[in-house]
Protein backbone atom coordinates (compact mmCIF):
# COMPACT_ATOMS: atom_id res chain seq x y z
CA MET A 1 3.36 53.71 129.73
CA SER A 2 6.58 55.46 130.60
CA ALA A 3 6.68 59.15 131.28
CA ARG A 4 8.27 61.29 128.62
CA PRO A 5 10.76 63.91 129.72
CA SER A 6 9.40 67.35 129.52
CA PRO A 7 11.00 69.57 126.95
CA GLY A 8 13.39 72.21 128.22
CA PRO A 9 16.76 73.83 127.62
CA PRO A 10 19.74 71.50 126.95
CA HIS A 11 22.08 70.74 129.75
CA PRO A 12 25.02 73.24 129.79
CA GLN A 13 28.43 71.83 128.71
CA PRO A 14 30.92 71.66 131.53
CA ARG A 15 33.51 74.47 131.30
CA PRO A 16 37.20 73.58 131.57
CA SER A 17 38.54 74.26 134.96
CA THR A 18 41.00 77.06 135.65
CA ALA A 19 43.61 74.46 136.47
CA ARG A 20 43.21 72.82 133.06
CA LEU A 21 43.51 76.17 131.29
CA ALA A 22 46.66 77.05 133.22
CA SER A 23 48.14 73.65 132.42
CA ALA A 24 47.48 74.08 128.68
CA ASP A 25 48.96 77.56 128.73
CA ARG A 26 52.09 76.31 130.46
CA ALA A 27 52.43 73.55 127.89
CA ALA A 28 52.15 76.08 125.04
CA ARG A 29 54.82 78.25 126.61
CA VAL A 30 57.09 75.24 127.02
CA ARG A 31 56.63 74.29 123.36
CA PHE A 32 57.35 77.89 122.32
CA ARG A 33 60.50 78.06 124.42
CA ARG A 34 61.58 74.75 122.96
CA ALA A 35 61.03 76.05 119.41
CA VAL A 36 63.04 79.22 120.17
CA ALA A 37 65.78 77.18 121.83
CA LEU A 38 66.14 74.98 118.73
CA MET A 39 66.57 78.06 116.53
CA LEU A 40 69.13 79.62 118.87
CA MET A 41 71.00 76.30 119.02
CA THR A 42 71.16 76.37 115.23
CA LEU A 43 72.56 79.90 115.36
CA LEU A 44 75.31 79.02 117.84
CA LEU A 45 76.03 75.39 116.88
CA PRO A 46 74.61 74.49 113.48
CA GLY A 47 73.34 70.91 113.59
CA SER A 48 72.84 70.75 117.37
CA ALA A 49 69.05 71.10 117.02
CA GLN A 50 68.93 68.09 114.69
CA LEU A 51 71.22 66.17 117.00
CA VAL A 52 68.85 66.50 119.98
CA ALA A 53 65.45 66.52 118.26
CA GLY A 54 65.72 65.47 114.64
CA ASP A 55 67.89 63.58 112.16
CA LYS A 56 71.03 62.81 114.15
CA ARG A 57 73.01 61.99 111.00
CA VAL A 58 72.36 65.46 109.58
CA GLY A 59 73.21 66.97 112.96
CA ARG A 60 76.53 65.16 113.21
CA ILE A 61 77.54 66.17 109.67
CA ALA A 62 76.64 69.83 110.26
CA LEU A 63 78.47 69.94 113.59
CA ARG A 64 81.60 68.34 112.12
CA VAL A 65 81.63 70.81 109.24
CA TRP A 66 81.16 73.70 111.68
CA MET A 67 83.94 72.49 113.98
CA ALA A 68 86.27 72.01 111.01
CA LEU A 69 85.56 75.57 109.84
CA LEU A 70 86.13 76.96 113.32
CA ALA A 71 89.41 75.07 113.64
CA THR A 72 90.56 76.28 110.21
CA GLY A 73 89.64 79.85 111.07
CA LEU A 74 91.43 79.68 114.42
CA LEU A 75 94.59 78.20 112.91
CA THR A 76 94.54 80.84 110.16
CA ALA A 77 94.14 83.64 112.71
CA VAL A 78 97.08 82.32 114.75
CA ALA A 79 99.21 82.00 111.60
CA VAL A 80 98.35 85.57 110.56
CA LEU A 81 99.29 86.87 114.02
CA ILE A 82 102.65 85.12 113.74
CA HIS A 83 103.22 85.98 110.08
CA ARG A 84 101.24 89.11 109.15
CA GLU A 85 102.10 88.89 105.45
CA LEU A 86 100.13 85.63 105.21
CA VAL A 87 96.84 87.52 105.03
CA PHE A 88 98.03 89.32 101.88
CA THR A 89 99.20 86.04 100.37
CA LEU A 90 95.78 84.50 100.93
CA ALA A 91 93.97 87.59 99.64
CA ALA A 92 95.92 87.44 96.37
CA ASN A 93 95.48 83.71 95.71
CA VAL A 94 92.90 83.52 92.91
CA ALA A 95 92.26 79.78 93.27
CA LEU A 96 91.79 80.05 97.03
CA LEU A 97 89.42 83.00 96.62
CA GLY A 98 87.33 80.99 94.15
CA VAL A 99 87.06 78.07 96.57
CA LEU A 100 86.24 80.41 99.46
CA ARG A 101 83.45 82.05 97.49
CA LEU A 102 81.81 78.70 96.72
CA LEU A 103 82.25 77.62 100.33
CA LEU A 104 80.50 80.76 101.63
CA VAL A 105 77.59 80.27 99.23
CA ALA A 106 77.23 76.60 100.23
CA LEU A 107 77.47 77.52 103.89
CA ALA A 108 74.76 80.17 103.51
CA LEU A 109 72.36 77.74 101.83
CA GLY A 110 73.12 74.89 104.25
CA TRP A 111 72.73 77.07 107.34
CA ALA A 112 69.44 78.50 106.07
CA ALA A 113 68.20 74.94 105.51
CA LEU A 114 69.12 74.04 109.09
CA PHE A 115 67.11 77.02 110.36
CA VAL A 116 64.07 75.89 108.38
CA ASP A 117 64.43 72.36 109.75
CA ALA A 118 64.82 73.72 113.29
CA TRP A 119 61.54 75.61 112.83
CA ARG A 120 59.89 72.35 111.71
CA LEU A 121 61.27 70.52 114.74
CA GLY A 122 59.71 73.16 116.95
CA GLN A 123 56.23 71.89 115.85
CA PRO A 124 54.85 75.29 114.85
CA LEU A 125 51.32 73.95 114.33
CA SER A 126 51.09 73.05 118.02
CA LEU A 127 51.79 76.64 119.05
CA GLN A 128 49.27 79.33 119.70
CA GLN A 129 48.75 81.77 116.86
CA ARG A 130 50.70 84.58 118.51
CA GLN A 131 53.56 82.25 119.38
CA ARG A 132 53.51 80.76 115.89
CA LEU A 133 53.87 84.20 114.32
CA ALA A 134 56.71 85.06 116.69
CA ALA A 135 58.50 81.81 115.84
CA VAL A 136 58.11 82.45 112.10
CA GLY A 137 59.44 86.01 112.49
CA LEU A 138 62.44 84.93 114.58
CA ASN A 139 63.29 82.09 112.24
CA GLY A 140 63.04 84.31 109.19
CA PHE A 141 65.19 87.01 110.78
CA LEU A 142 67.91 84.55 111.80
CA SER A 143 67.85 82.77 108.43
CA PHE A 144 68.13 85.97 106.39
CA ALA A 145 70.67 87.56 108.75
CA VAL A 146 73.05 84.60 108.69
CA ALA A 147 72.59 83.67 105.03
CA GLY A 148 72.68 87.33 103.96
CA THR A 149 75.93 87.95 105.82
CA LEU A 150 77.57 84.90 104.27
CA LEU A 151 76.34 85.76 100.79
CA PHE A 152 77.62 89.33 101.17
CA GLY A 153 80.96 87.86 102.23
CA ALA A 154 80.89 85.70 99.09
CA HIS A 155 80.23 88.84 97.05
CA LEU A 156 83.24 90.64 98.58
CA VAL A 157 85.42 87.61 97.91
CA ALA A 158 84.24 87.66 94.29
CA VAL A 159 85.06 91.37 94.06
CA GLN A 160 88.55 90.72 95.44
CA ARG A 161 89.09 87.84 93.03
CA ASP A 162 87.94 89.87 90.03
CA PHE A 163 90.14 92.75 91.21
CA ILE A 164 93.23 90.53 91.36
CA VAL A 165 92.47 88.90 87.99
CA THR A 166 91.72 92.22 86.26
CA MET A 167 94.42 94.33 87.82
CA PHE A 168 97.53 92.18 88.00
CA GLY A 169 99.48 90.14 85.49
CA THR A 170 100.55 86.53 85.39
CA GLY A 171 104.20 87.08 84.48
CA ASP A 172 107.25 86.00 86.40
CA ALA A 173 108.35 87.86 89.52
CA THR A 174 111.68 89.68 89.43
CA GLY A 175 114.03 89.94 92.36
CA ALA A 176 115.22 93.11 94.02
CA HIS A 177 118.17 94.94 92.44
CA ASP A 178 120.82 95.88 94.99
CA GLY A 179 118.26 95.29 97.71
CA ARG A 180 115.58 97.53 96.17
CA PHE A 181 112.47 97.20 94.03
CA ASN A 182 112.13 99.94 91.42
CA VAL A 183 108.58 100.54 90.24
CA LEU A 184 107.86 103.04 87.46
CA LEU A 185 104.67 105.05 88.09
CA LEU A 186 103.23 106.65 84.97
CA GLY A 187 100.43 109.18 84.89
CA GLY A 188 98.61 108.53 81.61
CA ASP A 189 97.37 111.30 79.34
CA SER A 190 93.62 110.71 79.46
CA GLY A 191 92.82 112.53 76.27
CA ALA A 192 90.04 111.00 74.18
CA GLY A 193 91.05 107.70 72.64
CA ARG A 194 94.65 107.84 73.75
CA TRP A 195 95.06 107.44 77.49
CA GLY A 196 98.19 105.57 78.30
CA LEU A 197 99.95 106.53 75.06
CA ARG A 198 101.67 109.65 76.37
CA PRO A 199 102.72 109.69 80.03
CA ASP A 200 101.97 113.03 81.63
CA SER A 201 104.12 112.29 84.69
CA MET A 202 106.88 109.79 85.42
CA THR A 203 108.11 108.78 88.87
CA ILE A 204 110.24 105.87 90.02
CA ALA A 205 109.34 104.51 93.45
CA SER A 206 112.58 102.91 94.63
CA ILE A 207 111.65 100.73 97.62
CA ASP A 208 113.99 99.08 100.09
CA ALA A 209 113.09 95.37 99.93
CA ARG A 210 113.63 94.94 103.68
CA THR A 211 112.34 98.12 105.35
CA GLY A 212 109.95 99.53 102.74
CA ARG A 213 111.78 102.89 102.94
CA THR A 214 110.98 104.67 99.69
CA VAL A 215 112.61 107.26 97.42
CA LEU A 216 110.45 108.95 94.78
CA ILE A 217 112.54 109.88 91.74
CA GLY A 218 110.75 112.32 89.46
CA LEU A 219 111.56 112.69 85.79
CA PRO A 220 110.38 115.72 83.79
CA ARG A 221 108.30 115.00 80.73
CA ASN A 222 110.26 117.57 78.70
CA MET A 223 113.73 116.03 79.12
CA GLU A 224 115.68 115.83 75.85
CA ASN A 225 118.90 114.28 74.54
CA PHE A 226 118.99 111.33 76.92
CA PRO A 227 120.38 107.82 76.33
CA PHE A 228 118.50 104.54 76.37
CA ALA A 229 119.48 101.39 78.25
CA ALA A 230 122.53 99.87 76.56
CA GLY A 231 121.67 97.13 74.09
CA SER A 232 117.91 97.86 74.15
CA VAL A 233 115.73 98.19 71.06
CA MET A 234 115.57 101.97 71.49
CA ASP A 235 119.33 102.20 72.02
CA LYS A 236 119.83 100.57 68.62
CA GLN A 237 117.44 103.06 67.03
CA PHE A 238 119.00 106.05 68.81
CA PRO A 239 122.63 105.15 69.58
CA HIS A 240 123.44 108.79 70.33
CA GLY A 241 120.40 109.35 72.53
CA PHE A 242 116.90 110.65 71.83
CA ASP A 243 118.23 113.63 69.92
CA CYS A 244 115.58 114.14 67.26
CA THR A 245 113.85 117.49 66.87
CA GLY A 246 111.03 117.98 69.37
CA CYS A 247 111.70 114.60 70.99
CA TYR A 248 110.95 114.65 74.71
CA LEU A 249 110.83 111.92 77.33
CA ASN A 250 107.03 111.75 77.27
CA GLY A 251 107.20 111.33 73.47
CA VAL A 252 109.10 108.02 73.66
CA SER A 253 105.84 106.18 74.23
CA THR A 254 104.21 107.78 71.20
CA TRP A 255 107.25 106.98 69.03
CA ALA A 256 107.14 103.32 70.08
CA GLY A 257 103.39 103.23 69.39
CA ASP A 258 104.16 104.30 65.82
CA HIS A 259 106.82 101.59 65.45
CA THR A 260 105.23 98.56 67.09
CA ASP A 261 107.00 96.26 64.62
CA LEU A 262 110.16 96.83 66.68
CA PHE A 263 108.40 95.31 69.72
CA PRO A 264 106.86 92.08 68.35
CA HIS A 265 106.52 90.38 71.74
CA SER A 266 105.48 93.39 73.78
CA LYS A 267 101.95 93.96 75.12
CA ALA A 268 102.73 97.62 75.87
CA PRO A 269 105.41 98.92 73.46
CA GLY A 270 105.07 102.51 74.67
CA VAL A 271 105.67 101.56 78.29
CA ASP A 272 108.55 99.24 77.42
CA ALA A 273 110.25 101.96 75.38
CA THR A 274 109.76 104.47 78.21
CA ILE A 275 111.37 102.02 80.64
CA MET A 276 114.35 101.70 78.29
CA ALA A 277 114.70 105.48 78.42
CA ILE A 278 114.38 105.76 82.19
CA GLU A 279 116.83 102.92 82.79
CA GLY A 280 119.27 104.68 80.47
CA ILE A 281 118.83 107.98 82.33
CA THR A 282 118.98 106.77 85.93
CA ASP A 283 120.99 103.56 85.61
CA LEU A 284 118.32 101.86 87.73
CA LYS A 285 116.80 98.54 86.70
CA ILE A 286 113.00 98.77 86.65
CA ASN A 287 111.17 95.77 88.16
CA TYR A 288 107.57 96.67 87.36
CA TRP A 289 105.43 99.51 86.07
CA ALA A 290 101.99 100.91 86.82
CA MET A 291 100.07 103.27 84.54
CA VAL A 292 97.53 105.51 86.26
CA ASN A 293 94.67 107.05 84.33
CA LEU A 294 94.64 110.57 85.78
CA GLU A 295 90.93 111.00 85.20
CA GLY A 296 90.18 107.69 86.89
CA PHE A 297 92.34 108.80 89.82
CA LYS A 298 89.38 110.86 91.02
CA GLY A 299 87.42 107.69 91.74
CA LEU A 300 90.15 106.27 93.97
CA VAL A 301 90.35 109.44 96.08
CA ASP A 302 86.56 109.51 96.45
CA ALA A 303 86.57 105.81 97.36
CA VAL A 304 88.81 106.45 100.38
CA GLY A 305 86.83 109.51 101.49
CA GLY A 306 89.20 112.19 100.21
CA VAL A 307 92.77 113.18 101.05
CA THR A 308 93.99 116.00 103.30
CA LEU A 309 96.48 118.37 101.65
CA ASN A 310 98.05 121.73 102.43
CA VAL A 311 96.86 124.09 99.69
CA ARG A 312 99.43 126.89 99.97
CA GLN A 313 98.09 129.11 97.22
CA PRO A 314 94.89 129.27 95.16
CA ILE A 315 95.16 126.37 92.71
CA PRO A 316 93.32 126.85 89.39
CA VAL A 317 90.66 124.37 88.35
CA GLY A 318 90.87 124.17 84.58
CA GLY A 319 93.48 125.47 82.22
CA LEU A 320 95.61 123.04 80.20
CA GLY A 321 94.00 124.35 77.03
CA SER A 322 90.60 125.12 78.56
CA ASP A 323 89.18 127.95 80.66
CA VAL A 324 89.91 128.23 84.36
CA THR A 325 86.56 127.70 86.08
CA GLY A 326 87.55 128.31 89.70
CA TYR A 327 90.25 127.88 92.34
CA LEU A 328 91.00 125.60 95.25
CA LYS A 329 91.10 127.81 98.33
CA PRO A 330 94.27 127.89 100.46
CA GLY A 331 94.42 126.01 103.75
CA VAL A 332 94.85 122.49 105.13
CA ARG A 333 91.79 120.88 103.61
CA LYS A 334 90.33 117.49 102.81
CA LEU A 335 89.93 117.40 99.04
CA ASN A 336 87.64 115.13 97.05
CA GLY A 337 88.72 113.31 93.91
CA PHE A 338 87.99 116.17 91.50
CA GLN A 339 89.83 118.70 93.68
CA THR A 340 92.80 116.39 94.30
CA LEU A 341 93.16 115.77 90.58
CA TRP A 342 93.45 119.49 89.87
CA PHE A 343 95.79 120.00 92.82
CA ALA A 344 98.05 117.40 91.22
CA ARG A 345 97.86 118.46 87.59
CA ALA A 346 97.14 122.24 87.53
CA ARG A 347 99.80 124.13 85.58
CA ASP A 348 98.08 127.43 84.83
CA GLY A 349 100.17 130.21 86.38
CA SER A 350 102.96 127.83 87.46
CA ASP A 351 105.29 125.33 85.77
CA ASP A 352 105.87 121.63 85.27
CA TYR A 353 108.28 121.41 88.20
CA SER A 354 105.86 122.96 90.70
CA ARG A 355 103.29 120.47 89.50
CA MET A 356 105.75 117.60 89.98
CA ALA A 357 106.24 118.76 93.58
CA ARG A 358 102.48 118.80 94.20
CA GLN A 359 102.12 115.34 92.68
CA LYS A 360 104.66 113.98 95.14
CA CYS A 361 102.73 115.58 97.97
CA VAL A 362 99.61 113.74 96.81
CA MET A 363 101.49 110.43 96.63
CA GLY A 364 102.91 110.89 100.11
CA ALA A 365 99.58 111.95 101.61
CA MET A 366 97.71 108.97 100.18
CA LEU A 367 100.34 106.52 101.40
CA GLN A 368 100.25 107.97 104.91
CA GLN A 369 96.50 108.57 105.20
CA ILE A 370 94.95 105.42 103.72
CA SER A 371 94.84 103.06 106.69
CA PRO A 372 94.04 99.32 106.54
CA GLN A 373 90.75 100.14 108.32
CA THR A 374 89.83 102.64 105.59
CA ALA A 375 90.75 100.14 102.91
CA VAL A 376 88.58 97.41 104.46
CA ALA A 377 85.61 99.73 105.05
CA ASN A 378 85.70 101.00 101.46
CA PHE A 379 87.04 97.85 99.86
CA GLU A 380 84.48 97.43 97.08
CA LYS A 381 84.71 101.09 96.00
CA ILE A 382 88.51 101.00 96.06
CA ALA A 383 88.64 97.78 94.04
CA LYS A 384 86.30 99.19 91.40
CA ALA A 385 88.14 102.52 91.17
CA SER A 386 91.56 100.86 91.08
CA SER A 387 90.67 98.41 88.31
CA GLU A 388 89.39 101.32 86.23
CA MET A 389 92.36 103.61 86.78
CA ILE A 390 95.44 101.38 86.94
CA SER A 391 97.17 99.08 84.49
CA THR A 392 100.26 97.23 85.69
CA ASP A 393 102.55 94.30 84.99
CA LEU A 394 103.00 93.51 88.69
CA PRO A 395 102.33 89.75 88.91
CA ARG A 396 99.72 88.39 91.30
CA SER A 397 102.39 86.43 93.11
CA GLU A 398 104.01 89.70 94.22
CA VAL A 399 100.90 91.49 95.50
CA ASP A 400 101.34 90.29 99.08
CA ASN A 401 104.98 91.36 99.12
CA PHE A 402 104.23 94.88 97.90
CA VAL A 403 101.26 95.37 100.24
CA SER A 404 103.53 94.40 103.12
CA LEU A 405 106.18 96.87 101.91
CA ALA A 406 103.53 99.61 101.64
CA LEU A 407 102.50 99.06 105.26
CA LYS A 408 106.13 99.29 106.33
CA ALA A 409 106.60 102.45 104.26
CA LYS A 410 103.78 104.18 106.19
CA SER A 411 106.03 104.46 109.24
CA GLU A 412 109.07 105.64 107.29
CA PRO A 413 109.86 109.10 105.84
CA ILE A 414 109.57 109.31 102.07
CA ALA A 415 112.59 110.86 100.34
CA THR A 416 112.41 112.58 96.96
CA VAL A 417 114.76 113.65 94.22
CA SER A 418 113.60 115.20 90.94
CA LEU A 419 115.77 115.52 87.86
CA VAL A 420 114.75 119.10 87.17
CA PRO A 421 116.21 122.63 87.22
CA PRO A 422 118.22 124.10 88.79
CA MET A 423 120.10 120.82 89.29
CA ILE A 424 119.47 119.52 85.77
CA ASP A 425 119.24 121.27 82.43
CA THR A 426 116.40 119.29 80.87
CA ALA A 427 117.45 120.29 77.33
CA ASN A 428 121.01 118.96 77.78
CA PRO A 429 121.02 116.76 80.89
CA ASP A 430 124.30 115.67 82.43
CA MET A 431 123.95 111.92 83.01
CA LYS A 432 126.75 111.85 85.57
CA VAL A 433 125.01 114.50 87.68
CA ILE A 434 121.69 112.64 87.38
CA ARG A 435 123.08 109.29 88.44
CA ARG A 436 125.06 110.79 91.28
CA ALA A 437 121.92 112.55 92.55
CA VAL A 438 119.92 109.31 92.37
CA ASP A 439 122.64 107.33 94.15
CA GLN A 440 122.94 109.96 96.89
CA ALA A 441 119.17 110.08 97.47
CA ILE A 442 119.01 106.30 97.81
CA GLU A 443 122.09 106.20 100.06
CA GLN A 444 120.70 108.91 102.35
CA SER A 445 117.34 107.10 102.49
CA GLU A 446 118.99 103.83 103.51
CA HIS A 447 121.28 105.52 106.06
CA PRO A 448 119.47 108.68 107.17
CA ASP A 449 121.71 109.18 110.22
CA SER A 450 124.91 109.13 108.18
CA ASP A 451 124.17 112.44 106.46
CA LYS A 452 124.30 115.40 108.81
CA SER A 453 123.93 118.09 106.18
CA SER A 454 121.18 120.65 106.43
CA HIS A 455 120.35 120.36 102.73
CA GLY A 456 116.77 119.30 103.29
CA LYS A 457 116.16 121.75 106.13
CA ARG A 458 117.57 124.65 104.15
CA LYS A 459 114.83 124.25 101.57
CA LEU A 460 112.13 124.33 104.21
CA LYS A 461 113.23 127.78 105.42
CA ARG A 462 112.23 129.37 102.14
CA GLN A 463 109.17 131.50 102.42
CA VAL A 464 108.56 131.75 98.68
CA VAL A 465 105.70 129.68 97.32
CA THR A 466 105.31 129.24 93.58
CA GLY A 467 102.38 127.49 91.96
CA GLY A 468 101.28 126.13 95.32
CA SER A 469 104.67 124.54 96.12
CA ILE A 470 107.42 125.74 98.47
CA GLY A 471 110.30 127.09 96.40
CA SER A 472 110.73 128.30 92.85
CA ARG A 473 111.91 127.05 89.50
CA ASP A 474 115.28 128.78 89.77
CA ASN A 475 116.00 127.69 93.34
CA GLY A 476 114.21 124.34 93.31
CA TYR A 477 111.04 123.08 94.98
CA ALA A 478 111.26 121.57 98.45
CA ALA A 479 109.04 118.57 97.68
CA ASN A 480 111.18 117.72 94.67
CA GLN A 481 114.37 117.42 96.75
CA SER A 482 113.65 116.24 100.26
CA GLN A 483 114.64 113.59 102.77
CA ASN A 484 111.19 113.79 104.37
CA LEU A 485 108.38 114.56 101.93
CA ALA A 486 105.80 115.14 104.66
CA THR A 487 107.69 118.15 106.02
CA SER A 488 108.07 119.65 102.53
CA CYS A 489 104.38 119.69 101.60
């Protein structure tokens, strides 16, 4: 009979050796580094992770798409460096913007999918728990960072496309007249239910089509007894000029709005009639117009972070039929939208012509101070504010040309001439004097070295300030008659 083993404790299991533990740990670290490397490869070269460790067909497609995009981007960058205006042409092409938006969305989704696949190729289940969590966190961060950036880019492209579609027209472009583009800028009366019907301010921006050098020609809203462009609808209605009782230049728009049957094919009878008047007064052919809602102007100033202006006297906030609630303090100050609006339109204690001078100072300051960097950094705010405050017939095909001219104008002095007292009697304006003044202002702007007179400098020596503007009604305001607006403000 065989002996039975005596009962006792079980034999202890053999413990893994230190060498085996170290080997397993090294293997885990290698797998973790491999997983991280696959994700970083996907960040730098989308598709490369699949090419070395996964579906090579997917990897080749992704890499080819990525290389094609890089080549397109590089060629575009070189073309923009050679021809700077190209960037504005591309930014105003509605069809291209639509394609670019879809491309960015597709790229975001495709890249995120490649990150997820790279995580799968890293065999996360074979990693230690701590390494697995780190891999998940890194993959999630990279996926959301890349996809989020691309989707935000798609959003900005959509904003730009909507801005172009909403803001600009689809009409035909018109060529320069005598080498200049003449754009009528109208400040719309923003009274309830009627903004745009009665222009509160009227300025022609006459722009040299080659250099961007600009002359601002201001017209007073209270001008009377003026002619209309020969052969126009308004000329036929008023062959002897706008000589009815109480008929002022800013009332032309209202008159046309009451007689829309005379403008059967017009989308903006009031603006068209006003253009007929201004062409008759100045003998300039207007290319395009832009109507600015003065209340909405606040949003644009706020969108660019304010504008710096020289407040020469306390400027009332309020008035214009309501109580004055405060004053803008004197000094060189950065004003927000609300303050800039009142700087431009305050009339309490001053006159229309002082206000016209201040408005030109605002125009000049915004042109000089809004840099491309500011525009890019605040693009979405600017686009929203602009679409709410501006109506224009400038066609989309001309946006790139005018942006390029605006950039050129930043480095050039802005000249001004205003058809106001003491040069012009607004009740009985002399058309010959007006047209001669306009022609001289444009000639001096195009050939600044040919005129050696001290006319502009003489105005700057005045110490009198009226309504916040250098000068007076009887002697003229410097900003209304200047060869360099910046020095007159």
